[in-house]
Amino acid sequence: MLTVERGRAHSHANLGWETFTDKVIAALNENREGVVFLLWGSHAQKKGNFIDRQRHHVLKAPHPSPLSAHRGFLGCRHFSQANQLLEQQGLTPIDWMPHLPQQ
């Protein structure tokens, strides 16, 4: 997950994140089995070209930005789909709503 400055789309670009995320995706693709990749938005979906779909799962949706979430991110059910795919592999589902410790 990358963050941007408010009102400045792509303000995280050209800071080295592209190289970093490419290397992480390549390492997961080569060294793991059954990874569930959630690719949100066109930039992330381009990374899907490097993922072996015979070994991994790829879920794609529009970017969750408030400006575009209504174009298909809302209601895509990626969180429940990811957990279903994990459970089918005998893995523990992700708690997407973790309980943070009280301060």
PDB file of N, CA and C in Angstrom:
ATOM      1  N   MET A   1       0.852  -1.163   0.000  1.00  0.00           N
ATOM      2  CA  MET A   1       0.000   0.000   0.000  1.00  0.00           C
ATOM      3  C   MET A   1       0.901   1.230   0.000  1.00  0.00           C
ATOM      4  N   LEU A   2       0.607   2.133  -0.884  1.00  0.00           N
ATOM      5  CA  LEU A   2       1.354   3.383  -0.960  1.00  0.00           C
ATOM      6  C   LEU A   2       0.428   4.533  -0.598  1.00  0.00           C
ATOM      7  N   THR A   3       0.989   5.604  -0.102  1.00  0.00           N
ATOM      8  CA  THR A   3       0.186   6.773   0.238  1.00  0.00           C
ATOM      9  C   THR A   3       0.624   7.942  -0.621  1.00  0.00           C
ATOM     10  N   VAL A   4      -0.282   8.868  -0.782  1.00  0.00           N
ATOM     11  CA  VAL A   4       0.004  10.064  -1.573  1.00  0.00           C
ATOM     12  C   VAL A   4      -0.363  11.290  -0.755  1.00  0.00           C
ATOM     13  N   GLU A   5       0.155  12.412  -1.182  1.00  0.00           N
ATOM     14  CA  GLU A   5      -0.230  13.664  -0.543  1.00  0.00           C
ATOM     15  C   GLU A   5      -1.650  13.997  -0.970  1.00  0.00           C
ATOM     16  N   ARG A   6      -2.408  14.527  -0.056  1.00  0.00           N
ATOM     17  CA  ARG A   6      -3.805  14.848  -0.322  1.00  0.00           C
ATOM     18  C   ARG A   6      -3.924  15.775  -1.526  1.00  0.00           C
ATOM     19  N   GLY A   7      -4.785  15.382  -2.470  1.00  0.00           N
ATOM     20  CA  GLY A   7      -5.039  16.194  -3.649  1.00  0.00           C
ATOM     21  C   GLY A   7      -3.939  16.143  -4.700  1.00  0.00           C
ATOM     22  N   ARG A   8      -2.943  15.275  -4.511  1.00  0.00           N
ATOM     23  CA  ARG A   8      -1.826  15.183  -5.455  1.00  0.00           C
ATOM     24  C   ARG A   8      -1.656  13.739  -5.905  1.00  0.00           C
ATOM     25  N   ALA A   9      -2.489  13.320  -6.841  1.00  0.00           N
ATOM     26  CA  ALA A   9      -2.404  11.956  -7.363  1.00  0.00           C
ATOM     27  C   ALA A   9      -0.999  11.676  -7.867  1.00  0.00           C
ATOM     28  N   HIS A  10      -0.534  10.480  -7.613  1.00  0.00           N
ATOM     29  CA  HIS A  10       0.789  10.009  -8.058  1.00  0.00           C
ATOM     30  C   HIS A  10       1.946  10.768  -7.413  1.00  0.00           C
ATOM     31  N   SER A  11       1.717  11.420  -6.272  1.00  0.00           N
ATOM     32  CA  SER A  11       2.815  12.145  -5.624  1.00  0.00           C
ATOM     33  C   SER A  11       3.868  11.194  -5.057  1.00  0.00           C
ATOM     34  N   HIS A  12       3.568   9.893  -5.032  1.00  0.00           N
ATOM     35  CA  HIS A  12       4.549   8.907  -4.579  1.00  0.00           C
ATOM     36  C   HIS A  12       5.405   8.391  -5.740  1.00  0.00           C
ATOM     37  N   ALA A  13       5.106   8.823  -6.969  1.00  0.00           N
ATOM     38  CA  ALA A  13       5.841   8.342  -8.145  1.00  0.00           C
ATOM     39  C   ALA A  13       7.266   8.879  -8.155  1.00  0.00           C
ATOM     40  N   ASN A  14       8.135   8.144  -8.805  1.00  0.00           N
ATOM     41  CA  ASN A  14       9.540   8.525  -8.993  1.00  0.00           C
ATOM     42  C   ASN A  14      10.317   8.667  -7.686  1.00  0.00           C
ATOM     43  N   LEU A  15       9.890   7.937  -6.665  1.00  0.00           N
ATOM     44  CA  LEU A  15      10.608   7.944  -5.390  1.00  0.00           C
ATOM     45  C   LEU A  15      11.252   6.586  -5.117  1.00  0.00           C
ATOM     46  N   GLY A  16      11.213   5.703  -6.103  1.00  0.00           N
ATOM     47  CA  GLY A  16      11.793   4.378  -5.936  1.00  0.00           C
ATOM     48  C   GLY A  16      10.806   3.280  -5.614  1.00  0.00           C
ATOM     49  N   TRP A  17       9.536   3.650  -5.395  1.00  0.00           N
ATOM     50  CA  TRP A  17       8.534   2.640  -5.061  1.00  0.00           C
ATOM     51  C   TRP A  17       8.324   1.650  -6.192  1.00  0.00           C
ATOM     52  N   GLU A  18       8.412   2.091  -7.431  1.00  0.00           N
ATOM     53  CA  GLU A  18       8.185   1.204  -8.570  1.00  0.00           C
ATOM     54  C   GLU A  18       9.191   0.061  -8.550  1.00  0.00           C
ATOM     55  N   THR A  19      10.454   0.389  -8.340  1.00  0.00           N
ATOM     56  CA  THR A  19      11.502  -0.634  -8.285  1.00  0.00           C
ATOM     57  C   THR A  19      11.277  -1.572  -7.106  1.00  0.00           C
ATOM     58  N   PHE A  20      10.960  -0.997  -5.963  1.00  0.00           N
ATOM     59  CA  PHE A  20      10.737  -1.800  -4.761  1.00  0.00           C
ATOM     60  C   PHE A  20       9.573  -2.771  -4.956  1.00  0.00           C
ATOM     61  N   THR A  21       8.418  -2.258  -5.403  1.00  0.00           N
ATOM     62  CA  THR A  21       7.251  -3.130  -5.556  1.00  0.00           C
ATOM     63  C   THR A  21       7.485  -4.173  -6.642  1.00  0.00           C
ATOM     64  N   ASP A  22       8.180  -3.818  -7.712  1.00  0.00           N
ATOM     65  CA  ASP A  22       8.492  -4.802  -8.758  1.00  0.00           C
ATOM     66  C   ASP A  22       9.313  -5.954  -8.182  1.00  0.00           C
ATOM     67  N   LYS A  23      10.282  -5.631  -7.349  1.00  0.00           N
ATOM     68  CA  LYS A  23      11.140  -6.667  -6.761  1.00  0.00           C
ATOM     69  C   LYS A  23      10.374  -7.533  -5.761  1.00  0.00           C
ATOM     70  N   VAL A  24       9.487  -6.933  -4.987  1.00  0.00           N
ATOM     71  CA  VAL A  24       8.681  -7.703  -4.040  1.00  0.00           C
ATOM     72  C   VAL A  24       7.759  -8.654  -4.794  1.00  0.00           C
ATOM     73  N   ILE A  25       7.085  -8.154  -5.830  1.00  0.00           N
ATOM     74  CA  ILE A  25       6.188  -8.998  -6.616  1.00  0.00           C
ATOM     75  C   ILE A  25       6.966 -10.133  -7.273  1.00  0.00           C
ATOM     76  N   ALA A  26       8.126  -9.830  -7.838  1.00  0.00           N
ATOM     77  CA  ALA A  26       8.947 -10.862  -8.482  1.00  0.00           C
ATOM     78  C   ALA A  26       9.372 -11.930  -7.471  1.00  0.00           C
ATOM     79  N   ALA A  27       9.771 -11.510  -6.278  1.00  0.00           N
ATOM     80  CA  ALA A  27      10.201 -12.467  -5.255  1.00  0.00           C
ATOM     81  C   ALA A  27       9.044 -13.358  -4.813  1.00  0.00           C
ATOM     82  N   LEU A  28       7.881 -12.774  -4.584  1.00  0.00           N
ATOM     83  CA  LEU A  28       6.715 -13.569  -4.203  1.00  0.00           C
ATOM     84  C   LEU A  28       6.318 -14.518  -5.321  1.00  0.00           C
ATOM     85  N   ASN A  29       6.317 -14.024  -6.540  1.00  0.00           N
ATOM     86  CA  ASN A  29       5.943 -14.821  -7.697  1.00  0.00           C
ATOM     87  C   ASN A  29       6.853 -16.043  -7.844  1.00  0.00           C
ATOM     88  N   GLU A  30       8.140 -15.860  -7.629  1.00  0.00           N
ATOM     89  CA  GLU A  30       9.114 -16.934  -7.825  1.00  0.00           C
ATOM     90  C   GLU A  30       9.223 -17.891  -6.637  1.00  0.00           C
ATOM     91  N   ASN A  31       9.051 -17.369  -5.425  1.00  0.00           N
ATOM     92  CA  ASN A  31       9.382 -18.155  -4.237  1.00  0.00           C
ATOM     93  C   ASN A  31       8.198 -18.644  -3.417  1.00  0.00           C
ATOM     94  N   ARG A  32       7.006 -18.298  -3.789  1.00  0.00           N
ATOM     95  CA  ARG A  32       5.813 -18.714  -3.046  1.00  0.00           C
ATOM     96  C   ARG A  32       4.817 -19.374  -3.991  1.00  0.00           C
ATOM     97  N   GLU A  33       3.823 -20.028  -3.406  1.00  0.00           N
ATOM     98  CA  GLU A  33       2.729 -20.642  -4.159  1.00  0.00           C
ATOM     99  C   GLU A  33       1.412 -20.131  -3.597  1.00  0.00           C
ATOM    100  N   GLY A  34       0.437 -19.913  -4.456  1.00  0.00           N
ATOM    101  CA  GLY A  34      -0.907 -19.578  -4.020  1.00  0.00           C
ATOM    102  C   GLY A  34      -1.085 -18.204  -3.421  1.00  0.00           C
ATOM    103  N   VAL A  35      -0.215 -17.264  -3.764  1.00  0.00           N
ATOM    104  CA  VAL A  35      -0.358 -15.896  -3.255  1.00  0.00           C
ATOM    105  C   VAL A  35      -1.607 -15.268  -3.872  1.00  0.00           C
ATOM    106  N   VAL A  36      -2.351 -14.532  -3.071  1.00  0.00           N
ATOM    107  CA  VAL A  36      -3.506 -13.787  -3.568  1.00  0.00           C
ATOM    108  C   VAL A  36      -3.064 -12.332  -3.711  1.00  0.00           C
ATOM    109  N   PHE A  37      -2.972 -11.874  -4.950  1.00  0.00           N
ATOM    110  CA  PHE A  37      -2.585 -10.495  -5.241  1.00  0.00           C
ATOM    111  C   PHE A  37      -3.845  -9.665  -5.447  1.00  0.00           C
ATOM    112  N   LEU A  38      -3.951  -8.533  -4.761  1.00  0.00           N
ATOM    113  CA  LEU A  38      -5.059  -7.595  -4.935  1.00  0.00           C
ATOM    114  C   LEU A  38      -4.505  -6.400  -5.697  1.00  0.00           C
ATOM    115  N   LEU A  39      -4.920  -6.255  -6.936  1.00  0.00           N
ATOM    116  CA  LEU A  39      -4.405  -5.186  -7.792  1.00  0.00           C
ATOM    117  C   LEU A  39      -5.510  -4.170  -8.019  1.00  0.00           C
ATOM    118  N   TRP A  40      -5.363  -3.022  -7.393  1.00  0.00           N
ATOM    119  CA  TRP A  40      -6.391  -1.982  -7.424  1.00  0.00           C
ATOM    120  C   TRP A  40      -5.893  -0.790  -8.213  1.00  0.00           C
ATOM    121  N   GLY A  41      -6.556  -0.501  -9.304  1.00  0.00           N
ATOM    122  CA  GLY A  41      -6.180   0.620 -10.161  1.00  0.00           C
ATOM    123  C   GLY A  41      -5.302   0.166 -11.308  1.00  0.00           C
ATOM    124  N   SER A  42      -5.266   0.985 -12.350  1.00  0.00           N
ATOM    125  CA  SER A  42      -4.566   0.598 -13.577  1.00  0.00           C
ATOM    126  C   SER A  42      -3.062   0.429 -13.382  1.00  0.00           C
ATOM    127  N   HIS A  43      -2.445   1.253 -12.551  1.00  0.00           N
ATOM    128  CA  HIS A  43      -0.998   1.121 -12.334  1.00  0.00           C
ATOM    129  C   HIS A  43      -0.678  -0.214 -11.665  1.00  0.00           C
ATOM    130  N   ALA A  44      -1.443  -0.571 -10.662  1.00  0.00           N
ATOM    131  CA  ALA A  44      -1.227  -1.850  -9.981  1.00  0.00           C
ATOM    132  C   ALA A  44      -1.522  -3.015 -10.917  1.00  0.00           C
ATOM    133  N   GLN A  45      -2.554  -2.873 -11.734  1.00  0.00           N
ATOM    134  CA  GLN A  45      -2.931  -3.969 -12.620  1.00  0.00           C
ATOM    135  C   GLN A  45      -1.870  -4.258 -13.672  1.00  0.00           C
ATOM    136  N   LYS A  46      -1.081  -3.261 -14.026  1.00  0.00           N
ATOM    137  CA  LYS A  46       0.026  -3.503 -14.960  1.00  0.00           C
ATOM    138  C   LYS A  46       1.050  -4.447 -14.346  1.00  0.00           C
ATOM    139  N   LYS A  47       1.183  -4.432 -13.035  1.00  0.00           N
ATOM    140  CA  LYS A  47       2.101  -5.348 -12.347  1.00  0.00           C
ATOM    141  C   LYS A  47       1.648  -6.798 -12.511  1.00  0.00           C
ATOM    142  N   GLY A  48       0.369  -6.992 -12.796  1.00  0.00           N
ATOM    143  CA  GLY A  48      -0.165  -8.337 -12.975  1.00  0.00           C
ATOM    144  C   GLY A  48       0.430  -9.078 -14.153  1.00  0.00           C
ATOM    145  N   ASN A  49       1.024  -8.355 -15.091  1.00  0.00           N
ATOM    146  CA  ASN A  49       1.641  -8.997 -16.252  1.00  0.00           C
ATOM    147  C   ASN A  49       2.824  -9.868 -15.861  1.00  0.00           C
ATOM    148  N   PHE A  50       3.376  -9.655 -14.679  1.00  0.00           N
ATOM    149  CA  PHE A  50       4.559 -10.388 -14.233  1.00  0.00           C
ATOM    150  C   PHE A  50       4.217 -11.523 -13.268  1.00  0.00           C
ATOM    151  N   ILE A  51       2.927 -11.755 -13.046  1.00  0.00           N
ATOM    152  CA  ILE A  51       2.496 -12.763 -12.074  1.00  0.00           C
ATOM    153  C   ILE A  51       2.052 -14.024 -12.809  1.00  0.00           C
ATOM    154  N   ASP A  52       2.565 -15.163 -12.375  1.00  0.00           N
ATOM    155  CA  ASP A  52       2.216 -16.465 -12.949  1.00  0.00           C
ATOM    156  C   ASP A  52       0.828 -16.867 -12.451  1.00  0.00           C
ATOM    157  N   ARG A  53      -0.148 -16.775 -13.324  1.00  0.00           N
ATOM    158  CA  ARG A  53      -1.546 -17.048 -12.939  1.00  0.00           C
ATOM    159  C   ARG A  53      -1.814 -18.540 -12.741  1.00  0.00           C
ATOM    160  N   GLN A  54      -0.884 -19.380 -13.147  1.00  0.00           N
ATOM    161  CA  GLN A  54      -1.029 -20.815 -12.893  1.00  0.00           C
ATOM    162  C   GLN A  54      -0.681 -21.151 -11.441  1.00  0.00           C
ATOM    163  N   ARG A  55       0.102 -20.285 -10.804  1.00  0.00           N
ATOM    164  CA  ARG A  55       0.564 -20.538  -9.437  1.00  0.00           C
ATOM    165  C   ARG A  55      -0.064 -19.609  -8.407  1.00  0.00           C
ATOM    166  N   HIS A  56      -0.634 -18.506  -8.861  1.00  0.00           N
ATOM    167  CA  HIS A  56      -1.143 -17.486  -7.944  1.00  0.00           C
ATOM    168  C   HIS A  56      -2.532 -17.022  -8.364  1.00  0.00           C
ATOM    169  N   HIS A  57      -3.172 -16.279  -7.480  1.00  0.00           N
ATOM    170  CA  HIS A  57      -4.496 -15.715  -7.733  1.00  0.00           C
ATOM    171  C   HIS A  57      -4.369 -14.202  -7.861  1.00  0.00           C
ATOM    172  N   VAL A  58      -5.047 -13.629  -8.850  1.00  0.00           N
ATOM    173  CA  VAL A  58      -5.007 -12.183  -9.070  1.00  0.00           C
ATOM    174  C   VAL A  58      -6.437 -11.655  -9.078  1.00  0.00           C
ATOM    175  N   LEU A  59      -6.722 -10.731  -8.170  1.00  0.00           N
ATOM    176  CA  LEU A  59      -8.019 -10.065  -8.119  1.00  0.00           C
ATOM    177  C   LEU A  59      -7.796  -8.612  -8.514  1.00  0.00           C
ATOM    178  N   LYS A  60      -8.566  -8.136  -9.493  1.00  0.00           N
ATOM    179  CA  LYS A  60      -8.398  -6.769  -9.991  1.00  0.00           C
ATOM    180  C   LYS A  60      -9.678  -5.968  -9.790  1.00  0.00           C
ATOM    181  N   ALA A  61      -9.513  -4.700  -9.472  1.00  0.00           N
ATOM    182  CA  ALA A  61     -10.645  -3.779  -9.309  1.00  0.00           C
ATOM    183  C   ALA A  61     -10.135  -2.361  -9.541  1.00  0.00           C
ATOM    184  N   PRO A  62     -11.060  -1.425  -9.761  1.00  0.00           N
ATOM    185  CA  PRO A  62     -10.649  -0.019  -9.850  1.00  0.00           C
ATOM    186  C   PRO A  62     -10.001   0.434  -8.544  1.00  0.00           C
ATOM    187  N   HIS A  63      -9.283   1.524  -8.612  1.00  0.00           N
ATOM    188  CA  HIS A  63      -8.595   2.081  -7.443  1.00  0.00           C
ATOM    189  C   HIS A  63      -9.618   2.463  -6.370  1.00  0.00           C
ATOM    190  N   PRO A  64      -9.299   2.239  -5.087  1.00  0.00           N
ATOM    191  CA  PRO A  64     -10.243   2.570  -4.017  1.00  0.00           C
ATOM    192  C   PRO A  64     -10.297   4.045  -3.635  1.00  0.00           C
ATOM    193  N   SER A  65      -9.673   4.911  -4.403  1.00  0.00           N
ATOM    194  CA  SER A  65      -9.716   6.346  -4.125  1.00  0.00           C
ATOM    195  C   SER A  65     -11.166   6.815  -4.028  1.00  0.00           C
ATOM    196  N   PRO A  66     -11.445   7.767  -3.143  1.00  0.00           N
ATOM    197  CA  PRO A  66     -12.802   8.309  -3.068  1.00  0.00           C
ATOM    198  C   PRO A  66     -13.291   8.860  -4.408  1.00  0.00           C
ATOM    199  N   LEU A  67     -12.364   9.224  -5.277  1.00  0.00           N
ATOM    200  CA  LEU A  67     -12.751   9.761  -6.579  1.00  0.00           C
ATOM    201  C   LEU A  67     -13.182   8.682  -7.560  1.00  0.00           C
ATOM    202  N   SER A  68     -12.791   7.416  -7.310  1.00  0.00           N
ATOM    203  CA  SER A  68     -13.102   6.373  -8.283  1.00  0.00           C
ATOM    204  C   SER A  68     -13.682   5.102  -7.680  1.00  0.00           C
ATOM    205  N   ALA A  69     -13.801   5.028  -6.375  1.00  0.00           N
ATOM    206  CA  ALA A  69     -14.254   3.790  -5.731  1.00  0.00           C
ATOM    207  C   ALA A  69     -15.616   3.339  -6.234  1.00  0.00           C
ATOM    208  N   HIS A  70     -16.469   4.296  -6.597  1.00  0.00           N
ATOM    209  CA  HIS A  70     -17.813   3.963  -7.075  1.00  0.00           C
ATOM    210  C   HIS A  70     -17.797   3.290  -8.447  1.00  0.00           C
ATOM    211  N   ARG A  71     -16.655   3.268  -9.121  1.00  0.00           N
ATOM    212  CA  ARG A  71     -16.555   2.658 -10.452  1.00  0.00           C
ATOM    213  C   ARG A  71     -16.357   1.148 -10.393  1.00  0.00           C
ATOM    214  N   GLY A  72     -16.442   0.574  -9.233  1.00  0.00           N
ATOM    215  CA  GLY A  72     -16.329  -0.874  -9.148  1.00  0.00           C
ATOM    216  C   GLY A  72     -15.554  -1.399  -7.960  1.00  0.00           C
ATOM    217  N   PHE A  73     -14.807  -0.537  -7.264  1.00  0.00           N
ATOM    218  CA  PHE A  73     -14.108  -1.045  -6.078  1.00  0.00           C
ATOM    219  C   PHE A  73     -15.117  -1.407  -4.998  1.00  0.00           C
ATOM    220  N   LEU A  74     -16.046  -0.484  -4.734  1.00  0.00           N
ATOM    221  CA  LEU A  74     -17.080  -0.769  -3.741  1.00  0.00           C
ATOM    222  C   LEU A  74     -17.919  -1.929  -4.254  1.00  0.00           C
ATOM    223  N   GLY A  75     -18.023  -2.948  -3.466  1.00  0.00           N
ATOM    224  CA  GLY A  75     -18.792  -4.116  -3.869  1.00  0.00           C
ATOM    225  C   GLY A  75     -17.986  -5.185  -4.587  1.00  0.00           C
ATOM    226  N   CYS A  76     -16.682  -4.984  -4.780  1.00  0.00           N
ATOM    227  CA  CYS A  76     -15.880  -5.992  -5.484  1.00  0.00           C
ATOM    228  C   CYS A  76     -15.654  -7.239  -4.627  1.00  0.00           C
ATOM    229  N   ARG A  77     -15.832  -7.120  -3.325  1.00  0.00           N
ATOM    230  CA  ARG A  77     -15.740  -8.242  -2.391  1.00  0.00           C
ATOM    231  C   ARG A  77     -14.358  -8.905  -2.370  1.00  0.00           C
ATOM    232  N   HIS A  78     -13.323  -8.112  -2.636  1.00  0.00           N
ATOM    233  CA  HIS A  78     -11.978  -8.682  -2.659  1.00  0.00           C
ATOM    234  C   HIS A  78     -11.550  -9.261  -1.317  1.00  0.00           C
ATOM    235  N   PHE A  79     -11.977  -8.652  -0.230  1.00  0.00           N
ATOM    236  CA  PHE A  79     -11.558  -9.145   1.079  1.00  0.00           C
ATOM    237  C   PHE A  79     -12.137 -10.535   1.339  1.00  0.00           C
ATOM    238  N   SER A  80     -13.419 -10.717   1.064  1.00  0.00           N
ATOM    239  CA  SER A  80     -14.017 -12.040   1.266  1.00  0.00           C
ATOM    240  C   SER A  80     -13.519 -13.033   0.219  1.00  0.00           C
ATOM    241  N   GLN A  81     -13.298 -12.584  -1.013  1.00  0.00           N
ATOM    242  CA  GLN A  81     -12.761 -13.481  -2.040  1.00  0.00           C
ATOM    243  C   GLN A  81     -11.350 -13.937  -1.690  1.00  0.00           C
ATOM    244  N   ALA A  82     -10.527 -13.025  -1.202  1.00  0.00           N
ATOM    245  CA  ALA A  82      -9.159 -13.389  -0.808  1.00  0.00           C
ATOM    246  C   ALA A  82      -9.199 -14.433   0.304  1.00  0.00           C
ATOM    247  N   ASN A  83     -10.055 -14.230   1.289  1.00  0.00           N
ATOM    248  CA  ASN A  83     -10.151 -15.194   2.383  1.00  0.00           C
ATOM    249  C   ASN A  83     -10.650 -16.544   1.893  1.00  0.00           C
ATOM    250  N   GLN A  84     -11.584 -16.542   0.977  1.00  0.00           N
ATOM    251  CA  GLN A  84     -12.079 -17.800   0.416  1.00  0.00           C
ATOM    252  C   GLN A  84     -10.946 -18.545  -0.298  1.00  0.00           C
ATOM    253  N   LEU A  85     -10.151 -17.826  -1.072  1.00  0.00           N
ATOM    254  CA  LEU A  85      -9.022 -18.446  -1.773  1.00  0.00           C
ATOM    255  C   LEU A  85      -7.990 -18.985  -0.784  1.00  0.00           C
ATOM    256  N   LEU A  86      -7.738 -18.255   0.287  1.00  0.00           N
ATOM    257  CA  LEU A  86      -6.803 -18.730   1.310  1.00  0.00           C
ATOM    258  C   LEU A  86      -7.329 -19.999   1.985  1.00  0.00           C
ATOM    259  N   GLU A  87      -8.604 -19.985   2.345  1.00  0.00           N
ATOM    260  CA  GLU A  87      -9.194 -21.146   3.010  1.00  0.00           C
ATOM    261  C   GLU A  87      -9.188 -22.369   2.105  1.00  0.00           C
ATOM    262  N   GLN A  88      -9.387 -22.174   0.799  1.00  0.00           N
ATOM    263  CA  GLN A  88      -9.348 -23.289  -0.151  1.00  0.00           C
ATOM    264  C   GLN A  88      -7.969 -23.943  -0.189  1.00  0.00           C
ATOM    265  N   GLN A  89      -6.954 -23.191   0.207  1.00  0.00           N
ATOM    266  CA  GLN A  89      -5.589 -23.714   0.254  1.00  0.00           C
ATOM    267  C   GLN A  89      -5.218 -24.230   1.646  1.00  0.00           C
ATOM    268  N   GLY A  90      -6.203 -24.235   2.549  1.00  0.00           N
ATOM    269  CA  GLY A  90      -5.950 -24.692   3.907  1.00  0.00           C
ATOM    270  C   GLY A  90      -5.234 -23.668   4.765  1.00  0.00           C
ATOM    271  N   LEU A  91      -5.278 -22.411   4.355  1.00  0.00           N
ATOM    272  CA  LEU A  91      -4.599 -21.338   5.081  1.00  0.00           C
ATOM    273  C   LEU A  91      -5.588 -20.550   5.935  1.00  0.00           C
ATOM    274  N   THR A  92      -5.075 -19.862   6.918  1.00  0.00           N
ATOM    275  CA  THR A  92      -5.898 -19.049   7.808  1.00  0.00           C
ATOM    276  C   THR A  92      -6.343 -17.783   7.090  1.00  0.00           C
ATOM    277  N   PRO A  93      -7.639 -17.451   7.152  1.00  0.00           N
ATOM    278  CA  PRO A  93      -8.092 -16.203   6.530  1.00  0.00           C
ATOM    279  C   PRO A  93      -7.534 -14.989   7.269  1.00  0.00           C
ATOM    280  N   ILE A  94      -7.502 -13.880   6.579  1.00  0.00           N
ATOM    281  CA  ILE A  94      -7.001 -12.622   7.139  1.00  0.00           C
ATOM    282  C   ILE A  94      -8.111 -11.938   7.923  1.00  0.00           C
ATOM    283  N   ASP A  95      -7.784 -11.435   9.104  1.00  0.00           N
ATOM    284  CA  ASP A  95      -8.719 -10.612   9.869  1.00  0.00           C
ATOM    285  C   ASP A  95      -8.545  -9.183   9.362  1.00  0.00           C
ATOM    286  N   TRP A  96      -9.430  -8.766   8.479  1.00  0.00           N
ATOM    287  CA  TRP A  96      -9.322  -7.449   7.849  1.00  0.00           C
ATOM    288  C   TRP A  96      -9.711  -6.329   8.802  1.00  0.00           C
ATOM    289  N   MET A  97     -10.295  -6.662   9.941  1.00  0.00           N
ATOM    290  CA  MET A  97     -10.692  -5.669  10.943  1.00  0.00           C
ATOM    291  C   MET A  97     -10.001  -6.003  12.259  1.00  0.00           C
ATOM    292  N   PRO A  98      -8.683  -5.867  12.313  1.00  0.00           N
ATOM    293  CA  PRO A  98      -7.969  -6.244  13.542  1.00  0.00           C
ATOM    294  C   PRO A  98      -8.386  -5.367  14.717  1.00  0.00           C
ATOM    295  N   HIS A  99      -8.281  -5.956  15.876  1.00  0.00           N
ATOM    296  CA  HIS A  99      -8.604  -5.226  17.104  1.00  0.00           C
ATOM    297  C   HIS A  99      -7.314  -4.614  17.625  1.00  0.00           C
ATOM    298  N   LEU A 100      -7.233  -3.313  17.582  1.00  0.00           N
ATOM    299  CA  LEU A 100      -6.035  -2.615  18.026  1.00  0.00           C
ATOM    300  C   LEU A 100      -6.001  -2.554  19.546  1.00  0.00           C
ATOM    301  N   PRO A 101      -4.819  -2.618  20.128  1.00  0.00           N
ATOM    302  CA  PRO A 101      -4.730  -2.547  21.593  1.00  0.00           C
ATOM    303  C   PRO A 101      -5.215  -1.195  22.108  1.00  0.00           C
ATOM    304  N   GLN A 102      -5.831  -1.243  23.269  1.00  0.00           N
ATOM    305  CA  GLN A 102      -6.293  -0.009  23.907  1.00  0.00           C
ATOM    306  C   GLN A 102      -5.088   0.758  24.429  1.00  0.00           C
ATOM    307  N   GLN A 103      -5.150   2.077  24.342  1.00  0.00           N
ATOM    308  CA  GLN A 103      -4.042   2.899  24.842  1.00  0.00           C
ATOM    309  C   GLN A 103      -4.366   3.455  26.196  1.00  0.00           C
TER     310      GLN A 103
END
